[in-house]
């Protein structure tokens, strides 16, 4: 097994079985819902459908990128792909960097389109791999190998710096993103891996032509903690480094007034309450990876089905109790910060 393959396997194993969460919360606990005692809504008529990139999905939940590039990843990706095909949900494969270096690794990615012929699937490449520009034939390989509907660029300088074999060169990523946006025939999504995207960085990305930003704030899985668990030279001081998910979201919602963009809230999304609060506070969609991978590894397709059904049921209850029949009706008028009497 190559170094990259072993690293990918370690990541999944630690995320499922290890204590790898942030000590700090997402920030969503600062808000509570404003109960509507006279909702005038029938529970059976409440819809959880939501839109992203001009496509309607059954639920505002994007299964985030995590797996790919090692032997067992193909089986996990196959389950996720089949589920997203059946449930009309979008998902992203793990980093395809290894596929660009070793064509034999392509099968763990290409299987997703075989299992999900009509689902929304996103390719994935790290920002560090864009330094100096990614050649057009490489961009085409990323997209064509899974017939991708979008390309995700993940930014992870904290994770790379904690990773013993990680990248250390970040100068030129911004120019690489701009080039990929210009070369890609499909929309480009930029996400962090759990340390958050600030309003200032988001504005720079939007100016480059990025279509969607996934804030991936602190509060969920700490990739610094995962890398430190893998390392003989751990730096636990950085395990809680990052911008809480709520702070990222509040910084970025103002940008929507001046840019044609959509926001995905991720980083510690673990139930229907988190999803609904994120949507009320400005997100268009939400995303998560660890709960999904954990469900698949431990209980397969049925575990993933139970997870989504639970979250869908929670959202329908929340919508009903807020007097809303549709996801699009959620707004900041439905939540209140603790201690705010206005």
Foldseek 3Di string as FASTA:
>chain_A
DDPVQVVLVLQLVCLQPHPFAAPDALPLVLKDFDFDPPQPDDLVLFAQWADDPRDIFRHQEEAEERAFQYDCLLVLLLLVLLLCLVRQHHYEYHACPVCVVPVVRLNSPLSSCVNRVPHAYEFEHELVVLAVADDLVVLCCRCVSNVHQEYEYEYEPLLQVLAPPRDDDNPRSLVSLLRSCVSDPHAYEYEYQAQFDALVNVVSNVVSPHAEYEGNWHHGGQSLSSNQVVDPDHDCVCSNHHDRQVNRLLRNQVCVVPGNHAYEGEHNPDALSSQLSSLQSRHSGYYDHSCQSNQCVVPNSVSNVVRVVRRVSVNSVLCSRQSHRYSVPRYVVGMDGPPDPD
